[in-house]
Amino acid sequence: MGNRLSKIATRTGDAGMTGLGDGSRVEKDHLRICAMGDVDELNSQIGVLMTEEFPDSIANDLRNLLLRVQHDLFDLGGELCIPNYTLLKTEQVEQLDVWLNQYNASLPPLKEFILPGGTRAAAQAHICRTVCRRAERSIVKLGWADPIHDSPRQYVNRLSDLLFVLARVLNRAAGGHDVLWKNQNKVDET
């Protein structure tokens, strides 16, 4: 891999085309490239989340979880880069379900919608969640045009749910709470 990445500026994309992992070339705005870009952006946003201060009670576990997710997202990007190739395994999707159940069990049930916010770390987790939903939409759109496996779509669907739960966990672990949405009609009536 070192020799492959030794030259970054190749100029092969100057005309608006780029190479896929199988050697084929597509337009830089191809649905596959858009999905790959959204997954890459998500991975970068998770990297930003990992620079935030986490409450000591969850810091190590959460950093390990997020690092594992970053590796999974790299696998996901690789799978999208090589048509008809599988890198993301069912076990990786199932692990998200385990974490989702684990962290959600510690939270009170929601009775209202919540707003993105609270601590800075929780707000960043919400940003990751929204970027994840965009990546999901891109992957779904790609799947309508080109055949893709189920795991990429399932993974980002579960991950966005997990990021929502982690935002709530981060707020509570820091001694805060969810920022509840207040229906303006209800507010005006009181």
N, C-alpha and C. Protein backbone atom coordinates (compact mmCIF):
# COMPACT_ATOMS: atom_id res chain seq x y z
N MET A 1 0.83 -1.19 0.00
CA MET A 1 0.00 0.00 0.00
C MET A 1 0.87 1.25 0.00
N GLY A 2 2.06 1.20 0.63
CA GLY A 2 2.94 2.36 0.70
C GLY A 2 3.34 2.89 -0.66
N ASN A 3 3.72 2.02 -1.57
CA ASN A 3 4.11 2.46 -2.90
C ASN A 3 2.92 3.01 -3.67
N ARG A 4 1.77 2.42 -3.44
CA ARG A 4 0.57 2.85 -4.14
C ARG A 4 0.20 4.29 -3.78
N LEU A 5 0.44 4.68 -2.54
CA LEU A 5 0.05 6.01 -2.08
C LEU A 5 1.21 6.99 -2.03
N SER A 6 2.34 6.64 -2.62
CA SER A 6 3.50 7.53 -2.55
C SER A 6 3.32 8.78 -3.41
N LYS A 7 2.50 8.71 -4.44
CA LYS A 7 2.24 9.86 -5.29
C LYS A 7 0.77 10.21 -5.16
N ILE A 8 0.48 11.35 -4.53
CA ILE A 8 -0.90 11.74 -4.27
C ILE A 8 -1.51 12.47 -5.47
N ALA A 9 -0.82 13.42 -6.04
CA ALA A 9 -1.33 14.18 -7.18
C ALA A 9 -0.97 13.45 -8.47
N THR A 10 -1.92 12.66 -8.97
CA THR A 10 -1.66 11.88 -10.19
C THR A 10 -2.15 12.57 -11.45
N ARG A 11 -3.04 13.54 -11.29
CA ARG A 11 -3.64 14.29 -12.39
C ARG A 11 -4.58 13.44 -13.26
N THR A 12 -4.81 12.21 -12.87
CA THR A 12 -5.70 11.34 -13.66
C THR A 12 -7.16 11.74 -13.50
N GLY A 13 -7.49 12.54 -12.51
CA GLY A 13 -8.87 12.96 -12.30
C GLY A 13 -9.17 14.36 -12.78
N ASP A 14 -8.22 14.97 -13.44
CA ASP A 14 -8.40 16.36 -13.87
C ASP A 14 -9.56 16.54 -14.84
N ALA A 15 -9.93 15.53 -15.57
CA ALA A 15 -11.01 15.64 -16.55
C ALA A 15 -12.36 15.25 -15.96
N GLY A 16 -12.42 15.03 -14.63
CA GLY A 16 -13.70 14.72 -14.00
C GLY A 16 -14.01 13.24 -13.87
N MET A 17 -13.03 12.40 -14.11
CA MET A 17 -13.20 10.95 -13.97
C MET A 17 -12.31 10.47 -12.83
N THR A 18 -12.68 9.34 -12.24
CA THR A 18 -11.87 8.75 -11.19
C THR A 18 -11.91 7.24 -11.29
N GLY A 19 -10.95 6.59 -10.70
CA GLY A 19 -10.86 5.14 -10.77
C GLY A 19 -11.52 4.46 -9.59
N LEU A 20 -12.17 3.33 -9.86
CA LEU A 20 -12.71 2.47 -8.81
C LEU A 20 -11.69 1.39 -8.48
N GLY A 21 -11.95 0.65 -7.43
CA GLY A 21 -11.04 -0.38 -6.98
C GLY A 21 -10.85 -1.52 -7.96
N ASP A 22 -11.79 -1.69 -8.87
CA ASP A 22 -11.66 -2.76 -9.87
C ASP A 22 -10.96 -2.30 -11.14
N GLY A 23 -10.48 -1.05 -11.14
CA GLY A 23 -9.78 -0.51 -12.30
C GLY A 23 -10.65 0.25 -13.27
N SER A 24 -11.97 0.13 -13.14
CA SER A 24 -12.85 0.88 -14.04
C SER A 24 -12.84 2.36 -13.65
N ARG A 25 -13.26 3.20 -14.59
CA ARG A 25 -13.30 4.64 -14.35
C ARG A 25 -14.73 5.13 -14.49
N VAL A 26 -15.11 6.04 -13.60
CA VAL A 26 -16.45 6.62 -13.61
C VAL A 26 -16.34 8.12 -13.38
N GLU A 27 -17.44 8.82 -13.63
CA GLU A 27 -17.49 10.25 -13.39
C GLU A 27 -17.38 10.50 -11.88
N LYS A 28 -16.78 11.63 -11.54
CA LYS A 28 -16.62 11.95 -10.12
C LYS A 28 -17.94 12.24 -9.41
N ASP A 29 -19.00 12.48 -10.17
CA ASP A 29 -20.31 12.66 -9.55
C ASP A 29 -21.19 11.42 -9.70
N HIS A 30 -20.60 10.29 -10.04
CA HIS A 30 -21.31 9.02 -10.13
C HIS A 30 -21.90 8.68 -8.76
N LEU A 31 -23.04 8.03 -8.73
CA LEU A 31 -23.69 7.68 -7.47
C LEU A 31 -22.76 6.91 -6.54
N ARG A 32 -21.93 6.06 -7.09
CA ARG A 32 -21.01 5.27 -6.28
C ARG A 32 -19.99 6.18 -5.59
N ILE A 33 -19.47 7.16 -6.33
CA ILE A 33 -18.49 8.09 -5.78
C ILE A 33 -19.14 8.98 -4.72
N CYS A 34 -20.38 9.40 -4.97
CA CYS A 34 -21.10 10.22 -3.99
C CYS A 34 -21.31 9.44 -2.68
N ALA A 35 -21.68 8.19 -2.79
CA ALA A 35 -21.86 7.36 -1.59
C ALA A 35 -20.54 7.18 -0.85
N MET A 36 -19.48 6.93 -1.61
CA MET A 36 -18.16 6.78 -0.98
C MET A 36 -17.76 8.07 -0.27
N GLY A 37 -18.02 9.21 -0.89
CA GLY A 37 -17.68 10.49 -0.29
C GLY A 37 -18.45 10.76 0.98
N ASP A 38 -19.73 10.40 0.99
CA ASP A 38 -20.53 10.60 2.20
C ASP A 38 -20.04 9.70 3.33
N VAL A 39 -19.64 8.47 3.02
CA VAL A 39 -19.09 7.57 4.04
C VAL A 39 -17.76 8.12 4.55
N ASP A 40 -16.94 8.66 3.66
CA ASP A 40 -15.67 9.24 4.06
C ASP A 40 -15.89 10.45 4.96
N GLU A 41 -16.86 11.29 4.61
CA GLU A 41 -17.17 12.45 5.45
C GLU A 41 -17.65 12.00 6.83
N LEU A 42 -18.47 10.98 6.86
CA LEU A 42 -18.94 10.45 8.14
C LEU A 42 -17.76 9.98 8.99
N ASN A 43 -16.84 9.25 8.37
CA ASN A 43 -15.67 8.77 9.10
C ASN A 43 -14.87 9.95 9.64
N SER A 44 -14.74 11.01 8.87
CA SER A 44 -14.02 12.20 9.32
C SER A 44 -14.73 12.89 10.48
N GLN A 45 -16.05 12.97 10.40
CA GLN A 45 -16.82 13.59 11.49
C GLN A 45 -16.71 12.76 12.77
N ILE A 46 -16.65 11.45 12.64
CA ILE A 46 -16.45 10.61 13.82
C ILE A 46 -15.05 10.86 14.39
N GLY A 47 -14.08 11.10 13.52
CA GLY A 47 -12.75 11.48 13.98
C GLY A 47 -12.79 12.76 14.80
N VAL A 48 -13.60 13.73 14.38
CA VAL A 48 -13.77 14.97 15.15
C VAL A 48 -14.42 14.64 16.50
N LEU A 49 -15.45 13.80 16.48
CA LEU A 49 -16.11 13.42 17.73
C LEU A 49 -15.11 12.81 18.72
N MET A 50 -14.19 12.03 18.21
CA MET A 50 -13.21 11.37 19.08
C MET A 50 -12.23 12.35 19.72
N THR A 51 -12.14 13.58 19.21
CA THR A 51 -11.26 14.57 19.82
C THR A 51 -11.94 15.30 20.98
N GLU A 52 -13.23 15.11 21.14
CA GLU A 52 -13.96 15.76 22.21
C GLU A 52 -13.64 15.13 23.56
N GLU A 53 -13.88 15.90 24.62
CA GLU A 53 -13.74 15.38 25.98
C GLU A 53 -14.97 14.54 26.30
N PHE A 54 -14.73 13.29 26.70
CA PHE A 54 -15.82 12.40 27.11
C PHE A 54 -15.77 12.25 28.62
N PRO A 55 -16.92 12.10 29.25
CA PRO A 55 -16.92 11.82 30.69
C PRO A 55 -16.09 10.56 30.98
N ASP A 56 -15.33 10.61 32.07
CA ASP A 56 -14.43 9.51 32.41
C ASP A 56 -15.13 8.16 32.47
N SER A 57 -16.39 8.16 32.91
CA SER A 57 -17.12 6.90 33.11
C SER A 57 -17.33 6.11 31.81
N ILE A 58 -17.29 6.81 30.68
CA ILE A 58 -17.53 6.12 29.40
C ILE A 58 -16.43 6.34 28.37
N ALA A 59 -15.41 7.12 28.73
CA ALA A 59 -14.42 7.56 27.75
C ALA A 59 -13.72 6.40 27.03
N ASN A 60 -13.16 5.46 27.75
CA ASN A 60 -12.41 4.38 27.11
C ASN A 60 -13.30 3.51 26.23
N ASP A 61 -14.45 3.11 26.77
CA ASP A 61 -15.36 2.25 25.99
C ASP A 61 -15.84 2.96 24.74
N LEU A 62 -16.17 4.23 24.88
CA LEU A 62 -16.70 4.98 23.73
C LEU A 62 -15.62 5.20 22.67
N ARG A 63 -14.41 5.50 23.09
CA ARG A 63 -13.32 5.68 22.11
C ARG A 63 -13.05 4.38 21.37
N ASN A 64 -13.05 3.26 22.08
CA ASN A 64 -12.84 1.96 21.43
C ASN A 64 -13.97 1.64 20.45
N LEU A 65 -15.20 1.93 20.85
CA LEU A 65 -16.35 1.72 19.97
C LEU A 65 -16.21 2.56 18.71
N LEU A 66 -15.91 3.83 18.87
CA LEU A 66 -15.83 4.72 17.71
C LEU A 66 -14.66 4.36 16.79
N LEU A 67 -13.56 3.91 17.37
CA LEU A 67 -12.44 3.48 16.54
C LEU A 67 -12.83 2.25 15.73
N ARG A 68 -13.56 1.34 16.34
CA ARG A 68 -14.04 0.16 15.61
C ARG A 68 -14.98 0.59 14.47
N VAL A 69 -15.85 1.54 14.75
CA VAL A 69 -16.76 2.06 13.72
C VAL A 69 -15.96 2.69 12.58
N GLN A 70 -14.91 3.42 12.89
CA GLN A 70 -14.09 4.02 11.83
C GLN A 70 -13.49 2.94 10.92
N HIS A 71 -13.01 1.86 11.52
CA HIS A 71 -12.48 0.76 10.71
C HIS A 71 -13.59 0.13 9.86
N ASP A 72 -14.76 -0.04 10.45
CA ASP A 72 -15.90 -0.59 9.69
C ASP A 72 -16.26 0.32 8.52
N LEU A 73 -16.26 1.62 8.77
CA LEU A 73 -16.59 2.56 7.69
C LEU A 73 -15.56 2.52 6.58
N PHE A 74 -14.31 2.27 6.94
CA PHE A 74 -13.28 2.13 5.91
C PHE A 74 -13.58 0.88 5.08
N ASP A 75 -13.98 -0.22 5.73
CA ASP A 75 -14.40 -1.42 5.01
C ASP A 75 -15.58 -1.11 4.10
N LEU A 76 -16.54 -0.35 4.62
CA LEU A 76 -17.72 0.01 3.84
C LEU A 76 -17.33 0.80 2.61
N GLY A 77 -16.44 1.78 2.78
CA GLY A 77 -15.97 2.55 1.63
C GLY A 77 -15.26 1.68 0.61
N GLY A 78 -14.48 0.71 1.09
CA GLY A 78 -13.80 -0.22 0.19
C GLY A 78 -14.77 -1.07 -0.58
N GLU A 79 -15.83 -1.50 0.10
CA GLU A 79 -16.85 -2.30 -0.59
C GLU A 79 -17.56 -1.48 -1.66
N LEU A 80 -17.84 -0.23 -1.35
CA LEU A 80 -18.49 0.63 -2.35
C LEU A 80 -17.55 0.92 -3.52
N CYS A 81 -16.26 0.93 -3.26
CA CYS A 81 -15.25 1.25 -4.27
C CYS A 81 -15.05 0.11 -5.27
N ILE A 82 -15.39 -1.10 -4.87
CA ILE A 82 -15.18 -2.26 -5.74
C ILE A 82 -16.53 -2.91 -6.01
N PRO A 83 -17.14 -2.64 -7.14
CA PRO A 83 -18.46 -3.22 -7.43
C PRO A 83 -18.45 -4.75 -7.29
N ASN A 84 -19.52 -5.27 -6.72
CA ASN A 84 -19.73 -6.71 -6.53
C ASN A 84 -18.72 -7.35 -5.58
N TYR A 85 -18.15 -6.57 -4.68
CA TYR A 85 -17.18 -7.08 -3.72
C TYR A 85 -17.77 -6.93 -2.32
N THR A 86 -17.43 -7.83 -1.43
CA THR A 86 -17.93 -7.77 -0.05
C THR A 86 -16.78 -7.59 0.92
N LEU A 87 -16.83 -6.56 1.70
CA LEU A 87 -15.88 -6.35 2.79
C LEU A 87 -16.60 -6.28 4.14
N LEU A 88 -17.75 -5.64 4.16
CA LEU A 88 -18.51 -5.46 5.39
C LEU A 88 -19.28 -6.73 5.69
N LYS A 89 -19.07 -7.27 6.85
CA LYS A 89 -19.67 -8.55 7.23
C LYS A 89 -20.93 -8.34 8.07
N THR A 90 -21.79 -9.35 8.07
CA THR A 90 -23.01 -9.33 8.87
C THR A 90 -22.67 -9.11 10.34
N GLU A 91 -21.55 -9.66 10.79
CA GLU A 91 -21.16 -9.53 12.20
C GLU A 91 -20.92 -8.07 12.59
N GLN A 92 -20.48 -7.27 11.63
CA GLN A 92 -20.25 -5.86 11.92
C GLN A 92 -21.58 -5.13 12.13
N VAL A 93 -22.59 -5.50 11.37
CA VAL A 93 -23.92 -4.93 11.57
C VAL A 93 -24.47 -5.40 12.91
N GLU A 94 -24.31 -6.68 13.22
CA GLU A 94 -24.82 -7.24 14.47
C GLU A 94 -24.15 -6.59 15.68
N GLN A 95 -22.88 -6.24 15.57
CA GLN A 95 -22.20 -5.58 16.68
C GLN A 95 -22.84 -4.23 16.99
N LEU A 96 -23.28 -3.53 15.95
CA LEU A 96 -23.98 -2.26 16.18
C LEU A 96 -25.25 -2.49 16.98
N ASP A 97 -25.98 -3.57 16.69
CA ASP A 97 -27.19 -3.90 17.45
C ASP A 97 -26.86 -4.15 18.92
N VAL A 98 -25.75 -4.83 19.18
CA VAL A 98 -25.33 -5.10 20.57
C VAL A 98 -25.08 -3.78 21.29
N TRP A 99 -24.29 -2.90 20.67
CA TRP A 99 -24.00 -1.61 21.30
C TRP A 99 -25.25 -0.77 21.46
N LEU A 100 -26.10 -0.80 20.46
CA LEU A 100 -27.34 -0.02 20.52
C LEU A 100 -28.19 -0.47 21.71
N ASN A 101 -28.36 -1.77 21.87
CA ASN A 101 -29.14 -2.28 23.00
C ASN A 101 -28.47 -1.96 24.33
N GLN A 102 -27.16 -2.10 24.39
CA GLN A 102 -26.40 -1.85 25.62
C GLN A 102 -26.55 -0.40 26.07
N TYR A 103 -26.31 0.53 25.19
CA TYR A 103 -26.35 1.94 25.58
C TYR A 103 -27.78 2.46 25.74
N ASN A 104 -28.70 1.98 24.95
CA ASN A 104 -30.08 2.44 25.06
C ASN A 104 -30.72 1.96 26.35
N ALA A 105 -30.28 0.83 26.88
CA ALA A 105 -30.85 0.27 28.12
C ALA A 105 -30.62 1.21 29.30
N SER A 106 -29.59 2.05 29.24
CA SER A 106 -29.28 2.94 30.35
C SER A 106 -30.05 4.26 30.29
N LEU A 107 -30.83 4.46 29.25
CA LEU A 107 -31.51 5.74 29.04
C LEU A 107 -32.99 5.66 29.39
N PRO A 108 -33.55 6.76 29.88
CA PRO A 108 -35.00 6.78 30.09
C PRO A 108 -35.70 6.84 28.74
N PRO A 109 -36.92 6.30 28.66
CA PRO A 109 -37.66 6.36 27.39
C PRO A 109 -37.92 7.81 26.99
N LEU A 110 -37.94 8.04 25.70
CA LEU A 110 -38.25 9.37 25.19
C LEU A 110 -39.75 9.57 25.14
N LYS A 111 -40.20 10.72 25.62
CA LYS A 111 -41.61 11.08 25.54
C LYS A 111 -41.83 12.27 24.63
N GLU A 112 -40.74 12.92 24.26
CA GLU A 112 -40.76 14.09 23.38
C GLU A 112 -39.63 13.95 22.37
N PHE A 113 -39.70 14.71 21.31
CA PHE A 113 -38.57 14.80 20.40
C PHE A 113 -37.46 15.57 21.09
N ILE A 114 -36.22 15.30 20.70
CA ILE A 114 -35.12 16.07 21.27
C ILE A 114 -34.42 16.86 20.17
N LEU A 115 -33.80 17.94 20.59
CA LEU A 115 -33.03 18.79 19.68
C LEU A 115 -31.56 18.40 19.77
N PRO A 116 -30.83 18.51 18.66
CA PRO A 116 -29.40 18.26 18.72
C PRO A 116 -28.74 19.30 19.63
N GLY A 117 -28.02 18.86 20.62
CA GLY A 117 -27.36 19.80 21.50
C GLY A 117 -27.01 19.18 22.82
N GLY A 118 -26.87 20.04 23.81
CA GLY A 118 -26.41 19.61 25.12
C GLY A 118 -24.93 19.89 25.21
N THR A 119 -24.15 18.87 25.48
CA THR A 119 -22.70 19.06 25.52
C THR A 119 -22.16 19.16 24.09
N ARG A 120 -20.94 19.66 24.00
CA ARG A 120 -20.30 19.76 22.69
C ARG A 120 -20.13 18.38 22.06
N ALA A 121 -19.76 17.38 22.86
CA ALA A 121 -19.58 16.02 22.35
C ALA A 121 -20.91 15.46 21.85
N ALA A 122 -21.97 15.69 22.59
CA ALA A 122 -23.30 15.20 22.16
C ALA A 122 -23.72 15.89 20.87
N ALA A 123 -23.48 17.18 20.77
CA ALA A 123 -23.82 17.91 19.54
C ALA A 123 -23.05 17.35 18.36
N GLN A 124 -21.77 17.02 18.56
CA GLN A 124 -20.98 16.43 17.48
C GLN A 124 -21.49 15.04 17.12
N ALA A 125 -21.96 14.28 18.10
CA ALA A 125 -22.55 12.97 17.81
C ALA A 125 -23.79 13.15 16.94
N HIS A 126 -24.56 14.20 17.19
CA HIS A 126 -25.74 14.48 16.35
C HIS A 126 -25.31 14.86 14.92
N ILE A 127 -24.23 15.61 14.79
CA ILE A 127 -23.73 15.92 13.45
C ILE A 127 -23.35 14.62 12.73
N CYS A 128 -22.66 13.75 13.44
CA CYS A 128 -22.31 12.44 12.85
C CYS A 128 -23.56 11.69 12.43
N ARG A 129 -24.59 11.74 13.26
CA ARG A 129 -25.86 11.05 12.94
C ARG A 129 -26.47 11.59 11.66
N THR A 130 -26.47 12.91 11.48
CA THR A 130 -27.09 13.47 10.28
C THR A 130 -26.27 13.17 9.03
N VAL A 131 -24.94 13.20 9.16
CA VAL A 131 -24.09 12.82 8.03
C VAL A 131 -24.29 11.34 7.71
N CYS A 132 -24.48 10.53 8.74
CA CYS A 132 -24.73 9.10 8.53
C CYS A 132 -26.04 8.89 7.77
N ARG A 133 -27.06 9.65 8.09
CA ARG A 133 -28.33 9.53 7.36
C ARG A 133 -28.16 9.92 5.90
N ARG A 134 -27.32 10.93 5.64
CA ARG A 134 -27.06 11.31 4.24
C ARG A 134 -26.32 10.19 3.53
N ALA A 135 -25.35 9.59 4.20
CA ALA A 135 -24.64 8.45 3.61
C ALA A 135 -25.61 7.32 3.32
N GLU A 136 -26.54 7.10 4.22
CA GLU A 136 -27.55 6.05 4.00
C GLU A 136 -28.37 6.36 2.75
N ARG A 137 -28.81 7.60 2.61
CA ARG A 137 -29.60 7.96 1.42
C ARG A 137 -28.79 7.75 0.15
N SER A 138 -27.51 8.09 0.19
CA SER A 138 -26.65 7.90 -0.99
C SER A 138 -26.48 6.42 -1.32
N ILE A 139 -26.32 5.61 -0.30
CA ILE A 139 -26.16 4.16 -0.52
C ILE A 139 -27.45 3.56 -1.06
N VAL A 140 -28.58 3.98 -0.52
CA VAL A 140 -29.88 3.49 -1.03
C VAL A 140 -30.05 3.90 -2.49
N LYS A 141 -29.74 5.15 -2.80
CA LYS A 141 -29.87 5.63 -4.19
C LYS A 141 -28.96 4.84 -5.12
N LEU A 142 -27.73 4.57 -4.69
CA LEU A 142 -26.82 3.75 -5.48
C LEU A 142 -27.41 2.37 -5.70
N GLY A 143 -28.00 1.80 -4.66
CA GLY A 143 -28.59 0.46 -4.75
C GLY A 143 -29.72 0.36 -5.75
N TRP A 144 -30.43 1.46 -6.00
CA TRP A 144 -31.49 1.43 -7.01
C TRP A 144 -30.89 1.36 -8.41
N ALA A 145 -29.68 1.92 -8.58
CA ALA A 145 -29.05 1.97 -9.91
C ALA A 145 -28.10 0.80 -10.16
N ASP A 146 -27.34 0.40 -9.15
CA ASP A 146 -26.36 -0.68 -9.26
C ASP A 146 -26.61 -1.66 -8.12
N PRO A 147 -26.45 -2.94 -8.39
CA PRO A 147 -26.65 -3.89 -7.30
C PRO A 147 -25.56 -3.73 -6.23
N ILE A 148 -25.98 -3.68 -4.96
CA ILE A 148 -25.06 -3.68 -3.84
C ILE A 148 -25.58 -4.68 -2.81
N HIS A 149 -24.71 -5.10 -1.93
CA HIS A 149 -25.09 -6.04 -0.88
C HIS A 149 -25.92 -5.33 0.18
N ASP A 150 -26.59 -6.10 1.03
CA ASP A 150 -27.44 -5.53 2.07
C ASP A 150 -26.66 -4.88 3.20
N SER A 151 -25.51 -5.42 3.54
CA SER A 151 -24.78 -4.95 4.73
C SER A 151 -24.46 -3.46 4.73
N PRO A 152 -24.01 -2.86 3.63
CA PRO A 152 -23.74 -1.41 3.68
C PRO A 152 -24.95 -0.58 4.08
N ARG A 153 -26.08 -0.88 3.51
CA ARG A 153 -27.31 -0.15 3.82
C ARG A 153 -27.72 -0.40 5.27
N GLN A 154 -27.66 -1.64 5.70
CA GLN A 154 -28.04 -1.99 7.08
C GLN A 154 -27.09 -1.34 8.08
N TYR A 155 -25.81 -1.33 7.76
CA TYR A 155 -24.81 -0.79 8.69
C TYR A 155 -25.07 0.69 8.97
N VAL A 156 -25.25 1.49 7.93
CA VAL A 156 -25.44 2.93 8.17
C VAL A 156 -26.80 3.21 8.81
N ASN A 157 -27.79 2.38 8.54
CA ASN A 157 -29.08 2.55 9.20
C ASN A 157 -28.95 2.33 10.70
N ARG A 158 -28.28 1.26 11.10
CA ARG A 158 -28.07 0.98 12.53
C ARG A 158 -27.14 2.01 13.16
N LEU A 159 -26.10 2.41 12.42
CA LEU A 159 -25.13 3.35 12.98
C LEU A 159 -25.78 4.69 13.29
N SER A 160 -26.67 5.16 12.45
CA SER A 160 -27.32 6.45 12.73
C SER A 160 -28.15 6.35 14.01
N ASP A 161 -28.81 5.21 14.23
CA ASP A 161 -29.54 5.01 15.48
C ASP A 161 -28.59 5.00 16.67
N LEU A 162 -27.46 4.32 16.53
CA LEU A 162 -26.48 4.26 17.61
C LEU A 162 -25.93 5.65 17.92
N LEU A 163 -25.66 6.44 16.91
CA LEU A 163 -25.13 7.79 17.14
C LEU A 163 -26.15 8.66 17.87
N PHE A 164 -27.42 8.49 17.58
CA PHE A 164 -28.48 9.20 18.31
C PHE A 164 -28.44 8.82 19.79
N VAL A 165 -28.37 7.51 20.04
CA VAL A 165 -28.33 7.02 21.42
C VAL A 165 -27.07 7.51 22.12
N LEU A 166 -25.93 7.48 21.43
CA LEU A 166 -24.68 7.93 22.05
C LEU A 166 -24.72 9.42 22.39
N ALA A 167 -25.40 10.22 21.59
CA ALA A 167 -25.55 11.64 21.92
C ALA A 167 -26.29 11.78 23.25
N ARG A 168 -27.32 11.00 23.43
CA ARG A 168 -28.08 11.03 24.68
C ARG A 168 -27.22 10.54 25.85
N VAL A 169 -26.46 9.49 25.61
CA VAL A 169 -25.58 8.94 26.65
C VAL A 169 -24.53 9.99 27.06
N LEU A 170 -23.95 10.66 26.07
CA LEU A 170 -22.94 11.67 26.36
C LEU A 170 -23.51 12.80 27.21
N ASN A 171 -24.72 13.24 26.91
CA ASN A 171 -25.34 14.30 27.72
C ASN A 171 -25.55 13.83 29.16
N ARG A 172 -26.07 12.64 29.33
CA ARG A 172 -26.36 12.14 30.68
C ARG A 172 -25.08 11.87 31.46
N ALA A 173 -24.08 11.31 30.81
CA ALA A 173 -22.82 10.99 31.50
C ALA A 173 -22.11 12.26 31.95
N ALA A 174 -22.37 13.37 31.27
CA ALA A 174 -21.76 14.65 31.64
C ALA A 174 -22.61 15.39 32.69
N GLY A 175 -23.67 14.75 33.16
CA GLY A 175 -24.52 15.35 34.18
C GLY A 175 -25.64 16.20 33.61
N GLY A 176 -25.80 16.17 32.31
CA GLY A 176 -26.85 16.97 31.67
C GLY A 176 -28.04 16.11 31.30
N HIS A 177 -28.80 16.58 30.36
CA HIS A 177 -29.99 15.88 29.90
C HIS A 177 -30.26 16.23 28.45
N ASP A 178 -31.22 15.56 27.88
CA ASP A 178 -31.61 15.84 26.50
C ASP A 178 -32.22 17.24 26.40
N VAL A 179 -32.03 17.88 25.27
CA VAL A 179 -32.66 19.16 25.00
C VAL A 179 -33.98 18.84 24.31
N LEU A 180 -35.07 19.04 25.03
CA LEU A 180 -36.38 18.66 24.52
C LEU A 180 -36.93 19.73 23.57
N TRP A 181 -37.57 19.26 22.52
CA TRP A 181 -38.26 20.15 21.59
C TRP A 181 -39.56 20.58 22.24
N LYS A 182 -39.83 21.85 22.16
CA LYS A 182 -41.09 22.37 22.69
C LYS A 182 -41.95 22.85 21.54
N ASN A 183 -43.10 22.24 21.40
CA ASN A 183 -44.03 22.63 20.37
C ASN A 183 -44.47 24.07 20.64
N GLN A 184 -44.23 24.96 19.70
CA GLN A 184 -44.54 26.36 19.90
C GLN A 184 -46.03 26.58 20.21
N ASN A 185 -46.89 25.76 19.66
CA ASN A 185 -48.31 25.90 19.96
C ASN A 185 -48.58 25.62 21.43
N LYS A 186 -47.89 24.63 22.00
CA LYS A 186 -48.05 24.32 23.42
C LYS A 186 -47.45 25.42 24.27
N VAL A 187 -46.32 25.97 23.85
CA VAL A 187 -45.64 27.01 24.61
C VAL A 187 -46.53 28.26 24.67
N ASP A 188 -47.13 28.61 23.52
CA ASP A 188 -47.97 29.80 23.47
C ASP A 188 -49.23 29.66 24.31
N GLU A 189 -49.69 28.44 24.51
CA GLU A 189 -50.92 28.24 25.26
C GLU A 189 -50.71 28.37 26.76
N THR A 190 -49.48 28.26 27.23
CA THR A 190 -49.24 28.29 28.67
C THR A 190 -49.03 29.67 29.21
